Amino acid sequence: MPGLRREEVAELAGLSTDYLARLEQGRETHPSASVLSALARALRLEPEAQRYLFAVTNGHPGLVAIDTATGTSSTNTSSTGTSSRPIGENLLSLLDEWVHHPAIVLDIRHDVVAANHLGRALFAGHWYSGNLMRLVFLDEEARPFFREREKVAASGAAALRAAASRAPDDAGLTGLVDELISGSEEFARLWTKAEVRDKKSEHFRVRHPIVGDLDLIFETFRPNGDSDHLVKVYRPEPGTATQEALAVLGSLTAEEAEKAEEAEEEETVETSRARR
């Protein structure tokens, strides 16, 4: 809705102006699905814009800015081209039900388009434009995170080639491959091997800055009738130190989410009082 002021957007969405300002500035990173839906309705966002709006909380907070003056969204990722369909609310609800397992949703370009709280906590802020391939090959600060980095890199390049074989006309995917080839000698070398592999299950060992070493196994699946998205769930072996560490990480994440919900409820109450 062109020309809307922040105050007008806040009123249409049933939010306080201060709360909306914090969302825009990235100071409030855990709005609920109801808040996001209210903003989407207020701004009359198209499906693609809604997808990025939900990514703020479900995938990579702070990467997306909603322009309240134009009703559009923008992102600092360079992936462009064919867009995937919006993620269904049922899938988002399913992610949140996995309270003991980190889970993320990827599109064909390996952009992280959704994640549950434990999924965000697992990667500890290592999103690098919200794309796993950029994280592996272009983010030097994330290198210590992967304890078996060469294995992760080889699997990632092979998975990306498999994606390219399924969507050869996806301009965003082609652009991502070109970006990785020019920015990473390692990726360029792996890409020339022409290995095509999209693993359904594999060990994933990382060094988490809060809970230490984690030995996980990821399982992947595609939602019924949705070829655009891949769900990746990380699980520990029962009775291991990793299971205990995830429980600790989950409790910390739950506390953070609870504080965010309480702050949001307070904002709603204050807004209601101000309108009386």
Foldseek 3Di string as FASTA:
>chain_A
DAADDLCQLCVQLLFHSVVSVCQQVLVQQADDPSSLVSSCVSLVADQVQSLVSQCCRFFANPQKGQDSNNSGIDGPDPQDFDDFGHDDPVVQVVQQVPLLWWKFKAFLLQQGSGTYLLVCQLQPNQQQRRHVLCSLFPDPVCVQFFPPSLVVLLQVLQQLLQSCVVPVPGPRSVVVLVVSCVRGVSSVVSNVVVHHDDDQKDWTWTQRPPLGIAIWMKGWDDPPPGPGMIMIIIDHDPPDSNSVSSVVSSVVSVVVNVVSVVVRVVRSVVSVVVVD
